[in-house]
Amino acid sequence: MYQNVNPQDTYAAMKQDPAAQMIDCRTQAEWRFVGTPDLSSLNRELICLEWVSFDGQSNSQFSAQIEQHLDKDTPIYILCRSGVRSAAACEALAAAGFTTLFNVAGGFEGNHDEAGHRGTIEGWKADKLPWRQP
């Protein structure tokens, strides 16, 4: 159905495979206030498409929206905050017939550290991969 990959391997795949696409399925608020992976040094564009909106509404058109832009055999790497929503998005895309799916385990910020903060023990930010805030 899909494979779990860490952020470092995701970044390497984006660097090596020109067909690979990365989707950030977090909310608009997260993109704006927490930041997003920055793939500009790879001359790549991040696709931002909400899986669930900030008010908790599911995007029932998620798979159809992806299908409008990507072939079903495209290698797709999906990222959320910690890897939970992105796993659900991977399952939905697999059910829609997408075949090469990767869940970015640890997501953008990962789980909480001992002080209750995210982005310090796992995830894209903790791995010190490129990111930006608008």
N, C-alpha and C. Protein backbone atom coordinates (compact mmCIF):
# COMPACT_ATOMS: atom_id res chain seq x y z
N MET A 1 0.83 -1.18 0.00
CA MET A 1 0.00 0.00 0.00
C MET A 1 0.88 1.26 0.00
N TYR A 2 1.73 1.43 1.03
CA TYR A 2 2.68 2.53 1.07
C TYR A 2 3.83 2.12 1.98
N GLN A 3 4.94 2.84 1.84
CA GLN A 3 6.11 2.60 2.69
C GLN A 3 6.34 3.82 3.57
N ASN A 4 6.80 3.59 4.78
CA ASN A 4 7.24 4.69 5.64
C ASN A 4 8.69 4.99 5.32
N VAL A 5 9.01 6.26 5.17
CA VAL A 5 10.39 6.69 4.94
C VAL A 5 10.68 7.88 5.85
N ASN A 6 11.93 8.03 6.22
CA ASN A 6 12.28 9.16 7.08
C ASN A 6 12.50 10.41 6.22
N PRO A 7 12.53 11.58 6.85
CA PRO A 7 12.70 12.82 6.09
C PRO A 7 14.01 12.86 5.29
N GLN A 8 15.11 12.36 5.84
CA GLN A 8 16.38 12.37 5.11
C GLN A 8 16.27 11.58 3.81
N ASP A 9 15.66 10.40 3.87
CA ASP A 9 15.50 9.59 2.67
C ASP A 9 14.53 10.24 1.68
N THR A 10 13.54 10.95 2.20
CA THR A 10 12.61 11.67 1.34
C THR A 10 13.34 12.76 0.58
N TYR A 11 14.16 13.53 1.28
CA TYR A 11 14.91 14.61 0.64
C TYR A 11 15.86 14.03 -0.42
N ALA A 12 16.51 12.92 -0.11
CA ALA A 12 17.41 12.28 -1.07
C ALA A 12 16.64 11.82 -2.31
N ALA A 13 15.45 11.27 -2.10
CA ALA A 13 14.63 10.82 -3.23
C ALA A 13 14.22 12.00 -4.10
N MET A 14 13.86 13.11 -3.47
CA MET A 14 13.48 14.29 -4.23
C MET A 14 14.67 14.82 -5.03
N LYS A 15 15.83 14.66 -4.49
CA LYS A 15 17.05 15.10 -5.16
C LYS A 15 17.39 14.19 -6.35
N GLN A 16 17.17 12.89 -6.19
CA GLN A 16 17.62 11.90 -7.18
C GLN A 16 16.59 11.55 -8.24
N ASP A 17 15.31 11.61 -7.91
CA ASP A 17 14.28 11.14 -8.82
C ASP A 17 13.44 12.31 -9.34
N PRO A 18 13.66 12.74 -10.59
CA PRO A 18 12.91 13.89 -11.10
C PRO A 18 11.41 13.64 -11.21
N ALA A 19 10.98 12.39 -11.20
CA ALA A 19 9.54 12.09 -11.28
C ALA A 19 8.85 12.17 -9.92
N ALA A 20 9.62 12.09 -8.83
CA ALA A 20 9.04 12.08 -7.49
C ALA A 20 8.39 13.43 -7.16
N GLN A 21 7.28 13.36 -6.43
CA GLN A 21 6.56 14.55 -6.00
C GLN A 21 6.34 14.49 -4.50
N MET A 22 6.40 15.65 -3.87
CA MET A 22 6.15 15.72 -2.43
C MET A 22 4.89 16.54 -2.19
N ILE A 23 4.00 15.97 -1.36
CA ILE A 23 2.75 16.63 -1.00
C ILE A 23 2.75 16.88 0.50
N ASP A 24 2.52 18.12 0.89
CA ASP A 24 2.34 18.49 2.29
C ASP A 24 0.84 18.56 2.51
N CYS A 25 0.30 17.62 3.31
CA CYS A 25 -1.16 17.52 3.47
C CYS A 25 -1.65 18.17 4.76
N ARG A 26 -0.81 19.02 5.37
CA ARG A 26 -1.25 19.72 6.58
C ARG A 26 -2.23 20.84 6.23
N THR A 27 -2.58 21.65 7.19
CA THR A 27 -3.54 22.72 6.98
C THR A 27 -2.86 24.00 6.53
N GLN A 28 -3.67 24.90 5.97
CA GLN A 28 -3.15 26.20 5.56
C GLN A 28 -2.52 26.93 6.74
N ALA A 29 -3.12 26.82 7.90
CA ALA A 29 -2.56 27.48 9.09
C ALA A 29 -1.16 26.92 9.41
N GLU A 30 -0.99 25.62 9.29
CA GLU A 30 0.33 25.03 9.55
C GLU A 30 1.36 25.50 8.53
N TRP A 31 0.97 25.54 7.26
CA TRP A 31 1.90 26.00 6.23
C TRP A 31 2.34 27.43 6.53
N ARG A 32 1.39 28.25 6.90
CA ARG A 32 1.66 29.68 7.10
C ARG A 32 2.42 29.97 8.39
N PHE A 33 2.05 29.32 9.48
CA PHE A 33 2.60 29.69 10.78
C PHE A 33 3.72 28.78 11.27
N VAL A 34 3.79 27.55 10.74
CA VAL A 34 4.84 26.61 11.17
C VAL A 34 5.93 26.50 10.11
N GLY A 35 5.55 26.63 8.84
CA GLY A 35 6.51 26.54 7.75
C GLY A 35 6.28 25.31 6.89
N THR A 36 7.05 25.23 5.81
CA THR A 36 6.95 24.12 4.87
C THR A 36 8.34 23.68 4.44
N PRO A 37 8.48 22.44 3.99
CA PRO A 37 9.74 22.02 3.40
C PRO A 37 10.07 22.95 2.22
N ASP A 38 11.34 23.27 2.08
CA ASP A 38 11.79 24.13 0.99
C ASP A 38 12.58 23.29 0.00
N LEU A 39 12.00 23.05 -1.14
CA LEU A 39 12.64 22.24 -2.18
C LEU A 39 13.25 23.09 -3.28
N SER A 40 13.32 24.40 -3.07
CA SER A 40 13.78 25.31 -4.11
C SER A 40 15.23 25.05 -4.52
N SER A 41 16.07 24.60 -3.61
CA SER A 41 17.47 24.31 -3.96
C SER A 41 17.55 23.11 -4.91
N LEU A 42 16.48 22.33 -4.99
CA LEU A 42 16.41 21.18 -5.89
C LEU A 42 15.64 21.54 -7.17
N ASN A 43 15.27 22.82 -7.29
CA ASN A 43 14.42 23.27 -8.39
C ASN A 43 13.12 22.47 -8.46
N ARG A 44 12.55 22.23 -7.28
CA ARG A 44 11.31 21.44 -7.17
C ARG A 44 10.26 22.26 -6.46
N GLU A 45 9.02 21.96 -6.76
CA GLU A 45 7.87 22.61 -6.13
C GLU A 45 7.20 21.64 -5.17
N LEU A 46 6.90 22.11 -3.99
CA LEU A 46 6.11 21.36 -3.01
C LEU A 46 4.64 21.55 -3.35
N ILE A 47 3.87 20.45 -3.33
CA ILE A 47 2.43 20.53 -3.52
C ILE A 47 1.79 20.59 -2.13
N CYS A 48 1.06 21.66 -1.87
CA CYS A 48 0.35 21.81 -0.60
C CYS A 48 -1.14 21.59 -0.84
N LEU A 49 -1.66 20.56 -0.22
CA LEU A 49 -3.08 20.21 -0.39
C LEU A 49 -3.58 19.63 0.92
N GLU A 50 -4.55 20.30 1.52
CA GLU A 50 -5.06 19.87 2.82
C GLU A 50 -5.75 18.50 2.74
N TRP A 51 -5.42 17.64 3.67
CA TRP A 51 -6.12 16.37 3.85
C TRP A 51 -7.34 16.61 4.74
N VAL A 52 -7.13 17.36 5.83
CA VAL A 52 -8.18 17.77 6.74
C VAL A 52 -7.94 19.25 7.03
N SER A 53 -8.97 20.06 6.95
CA SER A 53 -8.81 21.50 7.19
C SER A 53 -8.69 21.78 8.68
N PHE A 54 -8.33 23.01 9.00
CA PHE A 54 -8.12 23.43 10.39
C PHE A 54 -9.37 23.20 11.24
N ASP A 55 -10.56 23.32 10.63
CA ASP A 55 -11.80 23.12 11.38
C ASP A 55 -12.22 21.65 11.46
N GLY A 56 -11.35 20.74 10.97
CA GLY A 56 -11.61 19.31 11.09
C GLY A 56 -12.37 18.69 9.94
N GLN A 57 -12.67 19.46 8.91
CA GLN A 57 -13.40 18.94 7.76
C GLN A 57 -12.47 18.18 6.83
N SER A 58 -12.83 16.96 6.50
CA SER A 58 -12.03 16.16 5.57
C SER A 58 -12.18 16.70 4.16
N ASN A 59 -11.10 16.62 3.40
CA ASN A 59 -11.13 17.01 2.00
C ASN A 59 -11.53 15.78 1.19
N SER A 60 -12.80 15.66 0.90
CA SER A 60 -13.31 14.49 0.19
C SER A 60 -12.81 14.43 -1.25
N GLN A 61 -12.25 15.51 -1.75
CA GLN A 61 -11.74 15.57 -3.12
C GLN A 61 -10.23 15.38 -3.21
N PHE A 62 -9.58 15.03 -2.09
CA PHE A 62 -8.12 14.93 -2.04
C PHE A 62 -7.57 14.05 -3.16
N SER A 63 -8.04 12.82 -3.26
CA SER A 63 -7.52 11.89 -4.28
C SER A 63 -7.80 12.40 -5.69
N ALA A 64 -9.00 12.92 -5.91
CA ALA A 64 -9.36 13.44 -7.23
C ALA A 64 -8.49 14.64 -7.60
N GLN A 65 -8.19 15.48 -6.62
CA GLN A 65 -7.34 16.64 -6.88
C GLN A 65 -5.92 16.22 -7.23
N ILE A 66 -5.41 15.20 -6.57
CA ILE A 66 -4.08 14.69 -6.89
C ILE A 66 -4.09 14.07 -8.29
N GLU A 67 -5.15 13.33 -8.58
CA GLU A 67 -5.26 12.66 -9.88
C GLU A 67 -5.29 13.64 -11.04
N GLN A 68 -5.75 14.86 -10.80
CA GLN A 68 -5.77 15.88 -11.85
C GLN A 68 -4.36 16.31 -12.26
N HIS A 69 -3.40 16.11 -11.37
CA HIS A 69 -2.04 16.63 -11.60
C HIS A 69 -0.96 15.56 -11.73
N LEU A 70 -1.21 14.38 -11.18
CA LEU A 70 -0.17 13.35 -11.15
C LEU A 70 -0.69 12.02 -11.69
N ASP A 71 0.17 11.31 -12.40
CA ASP A 71 -0.16 9.96 -12.85
C ASP A 71 -0.19 9.03 -11.65
N LYS A 72 -0.93 7.96 -11.77
CA LYS A 72 -1.09 7.04 -10.65
C LYS A 72 0.17 6.25 -10.32
N ASP A 73 1.17 6.24 -11.21
CA ASP A 73 2.42 5.55 -10.90
C ASP A 73 3.54 6.51 -10.47
N THR A 74 3.21 7.80 -10.30
CA THR A 74 4.18 8.79 -9.83
C THR A 74 4.62 8.45 -8.42
N PRO A 75 5.92 8.48 -8.12
CA PRO A 75 6.36 8.32 -6.72
C PRO A 75 5.91 9.55 -5.93
N ILE A 76 5.07 9.33 -4.93
CA ILE A 76 4.50 10.43 -4.15
C ILE A 76 4.92 10.27 -2.68
N TYR A 77 5.53 11.32 -2.14
CA TYR A 77 5.95 11.38 -0.75
C TYR A 77 5.01 12.35 -0.05
N ILE A 78 4.30 11.86 0.98
CA ILE A 78 3.30 12.68 1.65
C ILE A 78 3.76 12.96 3.08
N LEU A 79 3.66 14.24 3.44
CA LEU A 79 4.14 14.71 4.74
C LEU A 79 3.02 15.44 5.47
N CYS A 80 2.93 15.25 6.77
CA CYS A 80 2.05 16.04 7.62
C CYS A 80 2.89 16.49 8.83
N ARG A 81 2.28 16.75 9.96
CA ARG A 81 3.03 17.20 11.13
C ARG A 81 3.87 16.09 11.73
N SER A 82 3.27 14.89 11.88
CA SER A 82 3.99 13.81 12.57
C SER A 82 3.97 12.48 11.84
N GLY A 83 3.22 12.37 10.76
CA GLY A 83 3.15 11.13 9.99
C GLY A 83 1.83 10.39 10.12
N VAL A 84 0.89 10.92 10.88
CA VAL A 84 -0.40 10.26 11.08
C VAL A 84 -1.38 10.60 9.96
N ARG A 85 -1.61 11.90 9.74
CA ARG A 85 -2.52 12.30 8.65
C ARG A 85 -1.98 11.86 7.30
N SER A 86 -0.67 11.95 7.12
CA SER A 86 -0.09 11.56 5.83
C SER A 86 -0.25 10.06 5.58
N ALA A 87 -0.23 9.25 6.63
CA ALA A 87 -0.47 7.81 6.46
C ALA A 87 -1.91 7.59 5.98
N ALA A 88 -2.85 8.32 6.56
CA ALA A 88 -4.25 8.20 6.12
C ALA A 88 -4.40 8.68 4.68
N ALA A 89 -3.69 9.73 4.31
CA ALA A 89 -3.75 10.22 2.93
C ALA A 89 -3.15 9.18 1.98
N CYS A 90 -2.08 8.52 2.40
CA CYS A 90 -1.49 7.44 1.58
C CYS A 90 -2.51 6.33 1.36
N GLU A 91 -3.23 5.95 2.41
CA GLU A 91 -4.23 4.90 2.29
C GLU A 91 -5.33 5.29 1.30
N ALA A 92 -5.75 6.55 1.36
CA ALA A 92 -6.79 7.02 0.44
C ALA A 92 -6.29 7.00 -1.00
N LEU A 93 -5.06 7.43 -1.21
CA LEU A 93 -4.51 7.42 -2.57
C LEU A 93 -4.33 5.99 -3.07
N ALA A 94 -3.92 5.09 -2.19
CA ALA A 94 -3.78 3.68 -2.59
C ALA A 94 -5.15 3.13 -3.00
N ALA A 95 -6.18 3.46 -2.25
CA ALA A 95 -7.53 3.00 -2.58
C ALA A 95 -8.00 3.58 -3.92
N ALA A 96 -7.46 4.75 -4.29
CA ALA A 96 -7.82 5.38 -5.56
C ALA A 96 -6.96 4.87 -6.71
N GLY A 97 -6.04 3.95 -6.42
CA GLY A 97 -5.25 3.34 -7.48
C GLY A 97 -3.83 3.84 -7.64
N PHE A 98 -3.39 4.75 -6.78
CA PHE A 98 -2.00 5.20 -6.84
C PHE A 98 -1.10 4.07 -6.33
N THR A 99 0.04 3.90 -6.95
CA THR A 99 0.82 2.69 -6.69
C THR A 99 2.17 2.88 -6.00
N THR A 100 2.72 4.09 -6.01
CA THR A 100 4.06 4.30 -5.46
C THR A 100 3.99 5.40 -4.41
N LEU A 101 3.63 5.01 -3.21
CA LEU A 101 3.33 5.96 -2.14
C LEU A 101 4.28 5.81 -0.96
N PHE A 102 4.67 6.96 -0.41
CA PHE A 102 5.58 6.99 0.73
C PHE A 102 5.05 7.95 1.78
N ASN A 103 4.96 7.48 3.01
CA ASN A 103 4.57 8.30 4.15
C ASN A 103 5.84 8.80 4.82
N VAL A 104 5.98 10.12 4.95
CA VAL A 104 7.16 10.68 5.60
C VAL A 104 6.97 10.54 7.11
N ALA A 105 7.58 9.49 7.66
CA ALA A 105 7.47 9.18 9.09
C ALA A 105 8.16 10.28 9.90
N GLY A 106 7.51 10.73 10.94
CA GLY A 106 8.04 11.84 11.73
C GLY A 106 7.57 13.18 11.21
N GLY A 107 7.08 13.21 9.97
CA GLY A 107 6.49 14.41 9.40
C GLY A 107 7.39 15.63 9.41
N PHE A 108 6.76 16.78 9.50
CA PHE A 108 7.49 18.04 9.48
C PHE A 108 8.06 18.38 10.85
N GLU A 109 7.29 18.08 11.92
CA GLU A 109 7.72 18.45 13.27
C GLU A 109 7.89 17.28 14.22
N GLY A 110 7.34 16.12 13.91
CA GLY A 110 7.47 14.96 14.79
C GLY A 110 6.66 15.07 16.06
N ASN A 111 6.94 14.16 16.95
CA ASN A 111 6.25 14.12 18.23
C ASN A 111 6.84 15.11 19.22
N HIS A 112 6.18 15.27 20.35
CA HIS A 112 6.64 16.19 21.39
C HIS A 112 7.91 15.67 22.07
N ASP A 113 8.78 16.60 22.44
CA ASP A 113 9.93 16.24 23.28
C ASP A 113 9.50 16.28 24.74
N GLU A 114 10.44 16.11 25.66
CA GLU A 114 10.11 16.08 27.10
C GLU A 114 9.50 17.39 27.58
N ALA A 115 9.83 18.50 26.91
CA ALA A 115 9.29 19.81 27.29
C ALA A 115 7.97 20.12 26.60
N GLY A 116 7.48 19.18 25.76
CA GLY A 116 6.22 19.37 25.08
C GLY A 116 6.33 20.13 23.76
N HIS A 117 7.56 20.28 23.25
CA HIS A 117 7.77 21.00 21.99
C HIS A 117 7.95 20.03 20.84
N ARG A 118 7.50 20.43 19.69
CA ARG A 118 7.70 19.64 18.47
C ARG A 118 8.88 20.21 17.68
N GLY A 119 9.38 19.40 16.74
CA GLY A 119 10.44 19.87 15.86
C GLY A 119 11.83 19.74 16.44
N THR A 120 11.97 19.02 17.55
CA THR A 120 13.29 18.91 18.18
C THR A 120 13.86 17.50 18.18
N ILE A 121 12.99 16.47 18.15
CA ILE A 121 13.51 15.10 18.26
C ILE A 121 13.36 14.28 17.00
N GLU A 122 12.42 14.65 16.13
CA GLU A 122 12.23 13.93 14.87
C GLU A 122 11.51 14.83 13.89
N GLY A 123 11.55 14.43 12.63
CA GLY A 123 10.85 15.17 11.60
C GLY A 123 11.77 16.01 10.75
N TRP A 124 11.19 16.62 9.73
CA TRP A 124 11.92 17.43 8.75
C TRP A 124 12.75 18.52 9.42
N LYS A 125 12.14 19.26 10.35
CA LYS A 125 12.84 20.36 11.01
C LYS A 125 13.96 19.84 11.90
N ALA A 126 13.70 18.80 12.67
CA ALA A 126 14.72 18.25 13.56
C ALA A 126 15.90 17.68 12.78
N ASP A 127 15.63 17.19 11.57
CA ASP A 127 16.71 16.67 10.72
C ASP A 127 17.47 17.78 10.00
N LYS A 128 17.07 19.02 10.28
CA LYS A 128 17.73 20.20 9.72
C LYS A 128 17.73 20.23 8.19
N LEU A 129 16.62 19.76 7.63
CA LEU A 129 16.43 19.84 6.19
C LEU A 129 15.88 21.23 5.85
N PRO A 130 16.04 21.69 4.61
CA PRO A 130 15.61 23.05 4.27
C PRO A 130 14.10 23.26 4.46
N TRP A 131 13.76 24.37 5.08
CA TRP A 131 12.37 24.74 5.26
C TRP A 131 12.26 26.25 5.30
N ARG A 132 11.02 26.73 5.16
CA ARG A 132 10.81 28.17 5.18
C ARG A 132 9.42 28.48 5.72
N GLN A 133 9.26 29.74 6.12
CA GLN A 133 7.96 30.26 6.48
C GLN A 133 7.64 31.40 5.52
N PRO A 134 6.40 31.48 5.07
CA PRO A 134 6.04 32.56 4.13
C PRO A 134 6.11 33.92 4.80
